[in-house]
Each structure stands twice: as C-alpha cells, then as structure tokens.
Amino acid sequence: MEKIRTTVKIAGREYALTSHDTAEYVHRLAALVDRRLTEMSLSTRLSANQVAVLTSVKIADDMLKAQDEVTRLKRELGEARQEMTELKRELAALRAKNTK
C-alpha cells in the first residue's frame, strides 16, 4: 500500500503527515488531537509543552483502557463460544437419546 501525505492543522500549526491510512482518517486523528489539546489548554494554565505532555498521557490512558476492554471482551467471547460448544454437544446428546 502506498503512503499518503496529508497536511493537517493541530494547535494552530500545520503538519505534513505521511501514512498508509486514508487522508480522511488522518484528518479525524488530527482533529481528535487538536480538540484534546484545546480542551486541556483551556482548563489549565500550563505551558504549551506541558499541555502537550498531559494531553499525550490522557490519550495514552484512553488507549490502554480501550485495549483492556477489548481484552476483556475477547475473553468473554471465548468463554461464550466455549459454553455454546458445550451446549451444542448437550443438545446433540439429548437429540440422540430421544431418537432411540
């Protein structure tokens, strides 16, 4: 897949980003970062660098929590699949018993 160069605006500055993702996705990503930076800068009196670091930590926190949730849901799905397999076996055994 070819890399796409996309120019985005974050915190009032333009950045040329190169990615395998679509330009639409890169714009969505930049908009999220820009929105988070703006929210953090409006709620604190920190320097731009401190705001960038705190925003990065918040985004990383959100990402790790989402990854933990995905892991939990995958585990639940695996358990549900195992239970479904066991129930199918029980159903097949009951059907076989009733046909005798």
PDB file of N, CA and C in Angstrom:
ATOM      1  N   MET A   1       0.846  -1.180   0.000  1.00  0.00           N
ATOM      2  CA  MET A   1       0.000   0.000   0.000  1.00  0.00           C
ATOM      3  C   MET A   1       0.892   1.243   0.000  1.00  0.00           C
ATOM      4  N   GLU A   2       0.488   2.192  -0.747  1.00  0.00           N
ATOM      5  CA  GLU A   2       1.272   3.430  -0.912  1.00  0.00           C
ATOM      6  C   GLU A   2       1.010   4.394   0.235  1.00  0.00           C
ATOM      7  N   LYS A   3       2.052   5.103   0.650  1.00  0.00           N
ATOM      8  CA  LYS A   3       1.900   6.112   1.691  1.00  0.00           C
ATOM      9  C   LYS A   3       1.241   7.356   1.113  1.00  0.00           C
ATOM     10  N   ILE A   4       0.407   7.969   1.935  1.00  0.00           N
ATOM     11  CA  ILE A   4      -0.310   9.177   1.535  1.00  0.00           C
ATOM     12  C   ILE A   4       0.171  10.328   2.423  1.00  0.00           C
ATOM     13  N   ARG A   5       0.470  11.454   1.799  1.00  0.00           N
ATOM     14  CA  ARG A   5       0.886  12.642   2.547  1.00  0.00           C
ATOM     15  C   ARG A   5      -0.339  13.529   2.725  1.00  0.00           C
ATOM     16  N   THR A   6      -0.601  13.881   3.982  1.00  0.00           N
ATOM     17  CA  THR A   6      -1.772  14.686   4.312  1.00  0.00           C
ATOM     18  C   THR A   6      -1.344  15.838   5.201  1.00  0.00           C
ATOM     19  N   THR A   7      -1.795  17.026   4.888  1.00  0.00           N
ATOM     20  CA  THR A   7      -1.496  18.200   5.709  1.00  0.00           C
ATOM     21  C   THR A   7      -2.667  18.436   6.646  1.00  0.00           C
ATOM     22  N   VAL A   8      -2.345  18.539   7.933  1.00  0.00           N
ATOM     23  CA  VAL A   8      -3.368  18.761   8.952  1.00  0.00           C
ATOM     24  C   VAL A   8      -2.963  19.948   9.807  1.00  0.00           C
ATOM     25  N   LYS A   9      -3.942  20.460  10.546  1.00  0.00           N
ATOM     26  CA  LYS A   9      -3.678  21.582  11.446  1.00  0.00           C
ATOM     27  C   LYS A   9      -3.961  21.132  12.869  1.00  0.00           C
ATOM     28  N   ILE A  10      -2.942  21.245  13.726  1.00  0.00           N
ATOM     29  CA  ILE A  10      -3.064  20.890  15.139  1.00  0.00           C
ATOM     30  C   ILE A  10      -2.504  22.045  15.953  1.00  0.00           C
ATOM     31  N   ALA A  11      -3.311  22.539  16.864  1.00  0.00           N
ATOM     32  CA  ALA A  11      -2.917  23.647  17.749  1.00  0.00           C
ATOM     33  C   ALA A  11      -2.420  24.842  16.945  1.00  0.00           C
ATOM     34  N   GLY A  12      -3.090  25.116  15.846  1.00  0.00           N
ATOM     35  CA  GLY A  12      -2.760  26.291  15.049  1.00  0.00           C
ATOM     36  C   GLY A  12      -1.574  26.143  14.111  1.00  0.00           C
ATOM     37  N   ARG A  13      -0.933  24.972  14.108  1.00  0.00           N
ATOM     38  CA  ARG A  13       0.221  24.748  13.236  1.00  0.00           C
ATOM     39  C   ARG A  13      -0.096  23.653  12.237  1.00  0.00           C
ATOM     40  N   GLU A  14       0.439  23.815  11.047  1.00  0.00           N
ATOM     41  CA  GLU A  14       0.243  22.797  10.020  1.00  0.00           C
ATOM     42  C   GLU A  14       1.351  21.761  10.077  1.00  0.00           C
ATOM     43  N   TYR A  15       0.941  20.514   9.891  1.00  0.00           N
ATOM     44  CA  TYR A  15       1.876  19.393   9.884  1.00  0.00           C
ATOM     45  C   TYR A  15       1.592  18.541   8.649  1.00  0.00           C
ATOM     46  N   ALA A  16       2.647  18.127   7.977  1.00  0.00           N
ATOM     47  CA  ALA A  16       2.509  17.201   6.849  1.00  0.00           C
ATOM     48  C   ALA A  16       2.782  15.801   7.399  1.00  0.00           C
ATOM     49  N   LEU A  17       1.749  14.986   7.420  1.00  0.00           N
ATOM     50  CA  LEU A  17       1.871  13.634   7.951  1.00  0.00           C
ATOM     51  C   LEU A  17       1.841  12.630   6.805  1.00  0.00           C
ATOM     52  N   THR A  18       2.686  11.629   6.884  1.00  0.00           N
ATOM     53  CA  THR A  18       2.730  10.572   5.883  1.00  0.00           C
ATOM     54  C   THR A  18       2.251   9.289   6.537  1.00  0.00           C
ATOM     55  N   SER A  19       1.290   8.625   5.874  1.00  0.00           N
ATOM     56  CA  SER A  19       0.685   7.448   6.488  1.00  0.00           C
ATOM     57  C   SER A  19       0.138   6.509   5.419  1.00  0.00           C
ATOM     58  N   HIS A  20      -0.025   5.254   5.803  1.00  0.00           N
ATOM     59  CA  HIS A  20      -0.699   4.292   4.932  1.00  0.00           C
ATOM     60  C   HIS A  20      -2.218   4.430   5.052  1.00  0.00           C
ATOM     61  N   ASP A  21      -2.656   5.196   6.050  1.00  0.00           N
ATOM     62  CA  ASP A  21      -4.084   5.407   6.255  1.00  0.00           C
ATOM     63  C   ASP A  21      -4.621   6.457   5.284  1.00  0.00           C
ATOM     64  N   THR A  22      -5.937   6.475   5.153  1.00  0.00           N
ATOM     65  CA  THR A  22      -6.560   7.438   4.241  1.00  0.00           C
ATOM     66  C   THR A  22      -6.420   8.855   4.790  1.00  0.00           C
ATOM     67  N   ALA A  23      -6.519   9.823   3.897  1.00  0.00           N
ATOM     68  CA  ALA A  23      -6.460  11.228   4.310  1.00  0.00           C
ATOM     69  C   ALA A  23      -7.595  11.537   5.282  1.00  0.00           C
ATOM     70  N   GLU A  24      -8.771  10.951   5.038  1.00  0.00           N
ATOM     71  CA  GLU A  24      -9.916  11.166   5.922  1.00  0.00           C
ATOM     72  C   GLU A  24      -9.588  10.706   7.341  1.00  0.00           C
ATOM     73  N   TYR A  25      -8.980   9.546   7.467  1.00  0.00           N
ATOM     74  CA  TYR A  25      -8.614   9.028   8.788  1.00  0.00           C
ATOM     75  C   TYR A  25      -7.590   9.938   9.461  1.00  0.00           C
ATOM     76  N   VAL A  26      -6.586  10.372   8.731  1.00  0.00           N
ATOM     77  CA  VAL A  26      -5.542  11.243   9.294  1.00  0.00           C
ATOM     78  C   VAL A  26      -6.157  12.565   9.753  1.00  0.00           C
ATOM     79  N   HIS A  27      -7.113  13.083   9.000  1.00  0.00           N
ATOM     80  CA  HIS A  27      -7.799  14.322   9.411  1.00  0.00           C
ATOM     81  C   HIS A  27      -8.604  14.093  10.692  1.00  0.00           C
ATOM     82  N   ARG A  28      -9.264  12.938  10.798  1.00  0.00           N
ATOM     83  CA  ARG A  28     -10.009  12.609  12.021  1.00  0.00           C
ATOM     84  C   ARG A  28      -9.063  12.519  13.209  1.00  0.00           C
ATOM     85  N   LEU A  29      -7.936  11.884  12.999  1.00  0.00           N
ATOM     86  CA  LEU A  29      -6.923  11.736  14.046  1.00  0.00           C
ATOM     87  C   LEU A  29      -6.419  13.111  14.496  1.00  0.00           C
ATOM     88  N   ALA A  30      -6.087  13.947  13.534  1.00  0.00           N
ATOM     89  CA  ALA A  30      -5.598  15.296  13.849  1.00  0.00           C
ATOM     90  C   ALA A  30      -6.662  16.108  14.575  1.00  0.00           C
ATOM     91  N   ALA A  31      -7.909  15.963  14.174  1.00  0.00           N
ATOM     92  CA  ALA A  31      -8.997  16.693  14.825  1.00  0.00           C
ATOM     93  C   ALA A  31      -9.143  16.260  16.281  1.00  0.00           C
ATOM     94  N   LEU A  32      -8.987  14.970  16.535  1.00  0.00           N
ATOM     95  CA  LEU A  32      -9.052  14.470  17.913  1.00  0.00           C
ATOM     96  C   LEU A  32      -7.929  15.068  18.751  1.00  0.00           C
ATOM     97  N   VAL A  33      -6.708  15.023  18.246  1.00  0.00           N
ATOM     98  CA  VAL A  33      -5.565  15.571  18.977  1.00  0.00           C
ATOM     99  C   VAL A  33      -5.758  17.068  19.197  1.00  0.00           C
ATOM    100  N   ASP A  34      -6.176  17.782  18.174  1.00  0.00           N
ATOM    101  CA  ASP A  34      -6.388  19.225  18.282  1.00  0.00           C
ATOM    102  C   ASP A  34      -7.449  19.536  19.332  1.00  0.00           C
ATOM    103  N   ARG A  35      -8.544  18.779  19.311  1.00  0.00           N
ATOM    104  CA  ARG A  35      -9.631  19.009  20.274  1.00  0.00           C
ATOM    105  C   ARG A  35      -9.143  18.751  21.698  1.00  0.00           C
ATOM    106  N   ARG A  36      -8.407  17.656  21.894  1.00  0.00           N
ATOM    107  CA  ARG A  36      -7.895  17.330  23.230  1.00  0.00           C
ATOM    108  C   ARG A  36      -6.907  18.385  23.720  1.00  0.00           C
ATOM    109  N   LEU A  37      -6.030  18.848  22.830  1.00  0.00           N
ATOM    110  CA  LEU A  37      -5.078  19.906  23.207  1.00  0.00           C
ATOM    111  C   LEU A  37      -5.814  21.179  23.597  1.00  0.00           C
ATOM    112  N   THR A  38      -6.822  21.530  22.825  1.00  0.00           N
ATOM    113  CA  THR A  38      -7.602  22.738  23.113  1.00  0.00           C
ATOM    114  C   THR A  38      -8.307  22.616  24.452  1.00  0.00           C
ATOM    115  N   GLU A  39      -8.942  21.461  24.706  1.00  0.00           N
ATOM    116  CA  GLU A  39      -9.630  21.258  25.983  1.00  0.00           C
ATOM    117  C   GLU A  39      -8.665  21.381  27.155  1.00  0.00           C
ATOM    118  N   MET A  40      -7.502  20.758  27.025  1.00  0.00           N
ATOM    119  CA  MET A  40      -6.522  20.787  28.112  1.00  0.00           C
ATOM    120  C   MET A  40      -5.983  22.201  28.313  1.00  0.00           C
ATOM    121  N   SER A  41      -5.714  22.905  27.249  1.00  0.00           N
ATOM    122  CA  SER A  41      -5.142  24.250  27.386  1.00  0.00           C
ATOM    123  C   SER A  41      -6.156  25.231  27.963  1.00  0.00           C
ATOM    124  N   LEU A  42      -7.443  25.015  27.700  1.00  0.00           N
ATOM    125  CA  LEU A  42      -8.470  25.901  28.256  1.00  0.00           C
ATOM    126  C   LEU A  42      -8.729  25.632  29.733  1.00  0.00           C
ATOM    127  N   SER A  43      -8.430  24.406  30.181  1.00  0.00           N
ATOM    128  CA  SER A  43      -8.725  24.060  31.570  1.00  0.00           C
ATOM    129  C   SER A  43      -7.520  24.196  32.498  1.00  0.00           C
ATOM    130  N   THR A  44      -6.367  24.578  31.950  1.00  0.00           N
ATOM    131  CA  THR A  44      -5.170  24.724  32.779  1.00  0.00           C
ATOM    132  C   THR A  44      -4.412  25.993  32.386  1.00  0.00           C
ATOM    133  N   ARG A  45      -3.446  26.331  33.191  1.00  0.00           N
ATOM    134  CA  ARG A  45      -2.578  27.472  32.882  1.00  0.00           C
ATOM    135  C   ARG A  45      -1.151  26.989  32.691  1.00  0.00           C
ATOM    136  N   LEU A  46      -1.000  25.914  31.972  1.00  0.00           N
ATOM    137  CA  LEU A  46       0.315  25.315  31.766  1.00  0.00           C
ATOM    138  C   LEU A  46       0.919  25.780  30.453  1.00  0.00           C
ATOM    139  N   SER A  47       2.205  25.552  30.317  1.00  0.00           N
ATOM    140  CA  SER A  47       2.877  25.896  29.064  1.00  0.00           C
ATOM    141  C   SER A  47       2.405  24.958  27.962  1.00  0.00           C
ATOM    142  N   ALA A  48       2.677  25.338  26.732  1.00  0.00           N
ATOM    143  CA  ALA A  48       2.272  24.517  25.593  1.00  0.00           C
ATOM    144  C   ALA A  48       2.887  23.124  25.665  1.00  0.00           C
ATOM    145  N   ASN A  49       4.143  23.045  26.090  1.00  0.00           N
ATOM    146  CA  ASN A  49       4.794  21.738  26.216  1.00  0.00           C
ATOM    147  C   ASN A  49       4.127  20.886  27.280  1.00  0.00           C
ATOM    148  N   GLN A  50       3.805  21.475  28.411  1.00  0.00           N
ATOM    149  CA  GLN A  50       3.138  20.726  29.478  1.00  0.00           C
ATOM    150  C   GLN A  50       1.755  20.260  29.036  1.00  0.00           C
ATOM    151  N   VAL A  51       1.047  21.113  28.322  1.00  0.00           N
ATOM    152  CA  VAL A  51      -0.272  20.739  27.797  1.00  0.00           C
ATOM    153  C   VAL A  51      -0.132  19.571  26.828  1.00  0.00           C
ATOM    154  N   ALA A  52       0.885  19.620  25.978  1.00  0.00           N
ATOM    155  CA  ALA A  52       1.107  18.531  25.022  1.00  0.00           C
ATOM    156  C   ALA A  52       1.395  17.220  25.740  1.00  0.00           C
ATOM    157  N   VAL A  53       2.215  17.273  26.787  1.00  0.00           N
ATOM    158  CA  VAL A  53       2.543  16.055  27.535  1.00  0.00           C
ATOM    159  C   VAL A  53       1.309  15.521  28.252  1.00  0.00           C
ATOM    160  N   LEU A  54       0.576  16.379  28.942  1.00  0.00           N
ATOM    161  CA  LEU A  54      -0.620  15.930  29.650  1.00  0.00           C
ATOM    162  C   LEU A  54      -1.673  15.377  28.691  1.00  0.00           C
ATOM    163  N   THR A  55      -1.802  16.017  27.539  1.00  0.00           N
ATOM    164  CA  THR A  55      -2.741  15.523  26.530  1.00  0.00           C
ATOM    165  C   THR A  55      -2.305  14.156  26.025  1.00  0.00           C
ATOM    166  N   SER A  56      -1.017  13.984  25.814  1.00  0.00           N
ATOM    167  CA  SER A  56      -0.493  12.684  25.381  1.00  0.00           C
ATOM    168  C   SER A  56      -0.766  11.609  26.424  1.00  0.00           C
ATOM    169  N   VAL A  57      -0.576  11.952  27.690  1.00  0.00           N
ATOM    170  CA  VAL A  57      -0.833  10.994  28.768  1.00  0.00           C
ATOM    171  C   VAL A  57      -2.313  10.625  28.797  1.00  0.00           C
ATOM    172  N   LYS A  58      -3.185  11.606  28.631  1.00  0.00           N
ATOM    173  CA  LYS A  58      -4.630  11.345  28.639  1.00  0.00           C
ATOM    174  C   LYS A  58      -5.022  10.455  27.461  1.00  0.00           C
ATOM    175  N   ILE A  59      -4.497  10.731  26.284  1.00  0.00           N
ATOM    176  CA  ILE A  59      -4.805   9.906  25.109  1.00  0.00           C
ATOM    177  C   ILE A  59      -4.261   8.491  25.307  1.00  0.00           C
ATOM    178  N   ALA A  60      -3.057   8.364  25.870  1.00  0.00           N
ATOM    179  CA  ALA A  60      -2.487   7.039  26.141  1.00  0.00           C
ATOM    180  C   ALA A  60      -3.335   6.294  27.168  1.00  0.00           C
ATOM    181  N   ASP A  61      -3.821   6.998  28.176  1.00  0.00           N
ATOM    182  CA  ASP A  61      -4.705   6.403  29.178  1.00  0.00           C
ATOM    183  C   ASP A  61      -5.974   5.866  28.519  1.00  0.00           C
ATOM    184  N   ASP A  62      -6.579   6.666  27.672  1.00  0.00           N
ATOM    185  CA  ASP A  62      -7.782   6.232  26.956  1.00  0.00           C
ATOM    186  C   ASP A  62      -7.493   4.990  26.112  1.00  0.00           C
ATOM    187  N   MET A  63      -6.344   4.983  25.442  1.00  0.00           N
ATOM    188  CA  MET A  63      -5.980   3.862  24.588  1.00  0.00           C
ATOM    189  C   MET A  63      -5.786   2.587  25.404  1.00  0.00           C
ATOM    190  N   LEU A  64      -5.053   2.679  26.524  1.00  0.00           N
ATOM    191  CA  LEU A  64      -4.824   1.498  27.351  1.00  0.00           C
ATOM    192  C   LEU A  64      -6.125   0.962  27.941  1.00  0.00           C
ATOM    193  N   LYS A  65      -7.011   1.860  28.361  1.00  0.00           N
ATOM    194  CA  LYS A  65      -8.311   1.418  28.883  1.00  0.00           C
ATOM    195  C   LYS A  65      -9.119   0.727  27.788  1.00  0.00           C
ATOM    196  N   ALA A  66      -9.060   1.254  26.571  1.00  0.00           N
ATOM    197  CA  ALA A  66      -9.765   0.627  25.449  1.00  0.00           C
ATOM    198  C   ALA A  66      -9.165  -0.745  25.143  1.00  0.00           C
ATOM    199  N   GLN A  67      -7.841  -0.853  25.189  1.00  0.00           N
ATOM    200  CA  GLN A  67      -7.192  -2.144  24.958  1.00  0.00           C
ATOM    201  C   GLN A  67      -7.585  -3.151  26.038  1.00  0.00           C
ATOM    202  N   ASP A  68      -7.643  -2.706  27.290  1.00  0.00           N
ATOM    203  CA  ASP A  68      -8.071  -3.590  28.376  1.00  0.00           C
ATOM    204  C   ASP A  68      -9.506  -4.060  28.156  1.00  0.00           C
ATOM    205  N   GLU A  69     -10.357  -3.162  27.696  1.00  0.00           N
ATOM    206  CA  GLU A  69     -11.753  -3.524  27.423  1.00  0.00           C
ATOM    207  C   GLU A  69     -11.841  -4.521  26.277  1.00  0.00           C
ATOM    208  N   VAL A  70     -11.045  -4.334  25.240  1.00  0.00           N
ATOM    209  CA  VAL A  70     -11.010  -5.278  24.120  1.00  0.00           C
ATOM    210  C   VAL A  70     -10.565  -6.650  24.618  1.00  0.00           C
ATOM    211  N   THR A  71      -9.532  -6.686  25.453  1.00  0.00           N
ATOM    212  CA  THR A  71      -9.047  -7.946  26.013  1.00  0.00           C
ATOM    213  C   THR A  71     -10.140  -8.629  26.822  1.00  0.00           C
ATOM    214  N   ARG A  72     -10.836  -7.857  27.649  1.00  0.00           N
ATOM    215  CA  ARG A  72     -11.926  -8.410  28.459  1.00  0.00           C
ATOM    216  C   ARG A  72     -13.036  -8.964  27.571  1.00  0.00           C
ATOM    217  N   LEU A  73     -13.410  -8.210  26.548  1.00  0.00           N
ATOM    218  CA  LEU A  73     -14.472  -8.658  25.654  1.00  0.00           C
ATOM    219  C   LEU A  73     -14.072  -9.897  24.861  1.00  0.00           C
ATOM    220  N   LYS A  74     -12.805  -9.968  24.451  1.00  0.00           N
ATOM    221  CA  LYS A  74     -12.321 -11.168  23.759  1.00  0.00           C
ATOM    222  C   LYS A  74     -12.392 -12.388  24.672  1.00  0.00           C
ATOM    223  N   ARG A  75     -12.015 -12.193  25.939  1.00  0.00           N
ATOM    224  CA  ARG A  75     -12.086 -13.284  26.905  1.00  0.00           C
ATOM    225  C   ARG A  75     -13.531 -13.739  27.085  1.00  0.00           C
ATOM    226  N   GLU A  76     -14.456 -12.778  27.239  1.00  0.00           N
ATOM    227  CA  GLU A  76     -15.875 -13.114  27.379  1.00  0.00           C
ATOM    228  C   GLU A  76     -16.392 -13.826  26.139  1.00  0.00           C
ATOM    229  N   LEU A  77     -15.970 -13.380  24.972  1.00  0.00           N
ATOM    230  CA  LEU A  77     -16.389 -14.021  23.731  1.00  0.00           C
ATOM    231  C   LEU A  77     -15.897 -15.458  23.679  1.00  0.00           C
ATOM    232  N   GLY A  78     -14.649 -15.668  24.072  1.00  0.00           N
ATOM    233  CA  GLY A  78     -14.095 -17.023  24.103  1.00  0.00           C
ATOM    234  C   GLY A  78     -14.873 -17.914  25.056  1.00  0.00           C
ATOM    235  N   GLU A  79     -15.215 -17.378  26.219  1.00  0.00           N
ATOM    236  CA  GLU A  79     -15.997 -18.144  27.195  1.00  0.00           C
ATOM    237  C   GLU A  79     -17.384 -18.457  26.648  1.00  0.00           C
ATOM    238  N   ALA A  80     -18.004 -17.483  25.987  1.00  0.00           N
ATOM    239  CA  ALA A  80     -19.334 -17.691  25.411  1.00  0.00           C
ATOM    240  C   ALA A  80     -19.284 -18.737  24.296  1.00  0.00           C
ATOM    241  N   ARG A  81     -18.237 -18.698  23.489  1.00  0.00           N
ATOM    242  CA  ARG A  81     -18.090 -19.704  22.427  1.00  0.00           C
ATOM    243  C   ARG A  81     -17.922 -21.094  23.016  1.00  0.00           C
ATOM    244  N   GLN A  82     -17.118 -21.188  24.079  1.00  0.00           N
ATOM    245  CA  GLN A  82     -16.907 -22.486  24.725  1.00  0.00           C
ATOM    246  C   GLN A  82     -18.219 -23.004  25.300  1.00  0.00           C
ATOM    247  N   GLU A  83     -18.976 -22.131  25.953  1.00  0.00           N
ATOM    248  CA  GLU A  83     -20.267 -22.516  26.512  1.00  0.00           C
ATOM    249  C   GLU A  83     -21.227 -22.951  25.403  1.00  0.00           C
ATOM    250  N   MET A  84     -21.222 -22.231  24.293  1.00  0.00           N
ATOM    251  CA  MET A  84     -22.088 -22.576  23.173  1.00  0.00           C
ATOM    252  C   MET A  84     -21.718 -23.952  22.614  1.00  0.00           C
ATOM    253  N   THR A  85     -20.426 -24.246  22.510  1.00  0.00           N
ATOM    254  CA  THR A  85     -19.976 -25.545  22.027  1.00  0.00           C
ATOM    255  C   THR A  85     -20.446 -26.653  22.964  1.00  0.00           C
ATOM    256  N   GLU A  86     -20.316 -26.418  24.267  1.00  0.00           N
ATOM    257  CA  GLU A  86     -20.772 -27.404  25.248  1.00  0.00           C
ATOM    258  C   GLU A  86     -22.280 -27.611  25.159  1.00  0.00           C
ATOM    259  N   LEU A  87     -23.027 -26.533  24.997  1.00  0.00           N
ATOM    260  CA  LEU A  87     -24.482 -26.638  24.882  1.00  0.00           C
ATOM    261  C   LEU A  87     -24.895 -27.379  23.606  1.00  0.00           C
ATOM    262  N   LYS A  88     -24.154 -27.142  22.521  1.00  0.00           N
ATOM    263  CA  LYS A  88     -24.443 -27.871  21.277  1.00  0.00           C
ATOM    264  C   LYS A  88     -24.217 -29.362  21.466  1.00  0.00           C
ATOM    265  N   ARG A  89     -23.145 -29.717  22.187  1.00  0.00           N
ATOM    266  CA  ARG A  89     -22.878 -31.136  22.469  1.00  0.00           C
ATOM    267  C   ARG A  89     -23.997 -31.748  23.297  1.00  0.00           C
ATOM    268  N   GLU A  90     -24.425 -31.007  24.326  1.00  0.00           N
ATOM    269  CA  GLU A  90     -25.523 -31.489  25.172  1.00  0.00           C
ATOM    270  C   GLU A  90     -26.802 -31.658  24.357  1.00  0.00           C
ATOM    271  N   LEU A  91     -27.080 -30.694  23.489  1.00  0.00           N
ATOM    272  CA  LEU A  91     -28.274 -30.767  22.655  1.00  0.00           C
ATOM    273  C   LEU A  91     -28.205 -31.966  21.721  1.00  0.00           C
ATOM    274  N   ALA A  92     -27.054 -32.174  21.111  1.00  0.00           N
ATOM    275  CA  ALA A  92     -26.886 -33.326  20.218  1.00  0.00           C
ATOM    276  C   ALA A  92     -27.070 -34.630  20.982  1.00  0.00           C
ATOM    277  N   ALA A  93     -26.542 -34.691  22.203  1.00  0.00           N
ATOM    278  CA  ALA A  93     -26.691 -35.901  23.019  1.00  0.00           C
ATOM    279  C   ALA A  93     -28.153 -36.123  23.380  1.00  0.00           C
ATOM    280  N   LEU A  94     -28.870 -35.060  23.735  1.00  0.00           N
ATOM    281  CA  LEU A  94     -30.294 -35.184  24.064  1.00  0.00           C
ATOM    282  C   LEU A  94     -31.113 -35.605  22.850  1.00  0.00           C
ATOM    283  N   ARG A  95     -30.794 -35.051  21.710  1.00  0.00           N
ATOM    284  CA  ARG A  95     -31.499 -35.422  20.484  1.00  0.00           C
ATOM    285  C   ARG A  95     -31.261 -36.894  20.147  1.00  0.00           C
ATOM    286  N   ALA A  96     -30.007 -37.313  20.303  1.00  0.00           N
ATOM    287  CA  ALA A  96     -29.656 -38.717  20.019  1.00  0.00           C
ATOM    288  C   ALA A  96     -30.393 -39.630  20.998  1.00  0.00           C
ATOM    289  N   LYS A  97     -30.500 -39.242  22.234  1.00  0.00           N
ATOM    290  CA  LYS A  97     -31.185 -40.030  23.257  1.00  0.00           C
ATOM    291  C   LYS A  97     -32.667 -40.129  22.966  1.00  0.00           C
ATOM    292  N   ASN A  98     -33.260 -39.042  22.493  1.00  0.00           N
ATOM    293  CA  ASN A  98     -34.704 -39.020  22.205  1.00  0.00           C
ATOM    294  C   ASN A  98     -35.071 -39.784  20.948  1.00  0.00           C
ATOM    295  N   THR A  99     -34.137 -39.970  20.028  1.00  0.00           N
ATOM    296  CA  THR A  99     -34.429 -40.710  18.790  1.00  0.00           C
ATOM    297  C   THR A  99     -34.305 -42.205  18.972  1.00  0.00           C
ATOM    298  N   LYS A 100     -33.826 -42.656  20.111  1.00  0.00           N
ATOM    299  CA  LYS A 100     -33.667 -44.096  20.365  1.00  0.00           C
ATOM    300  C   LYS A 100     -34.947 -44.725  20.806  1.00  0.00           C
TER     301      LYS A 100
END
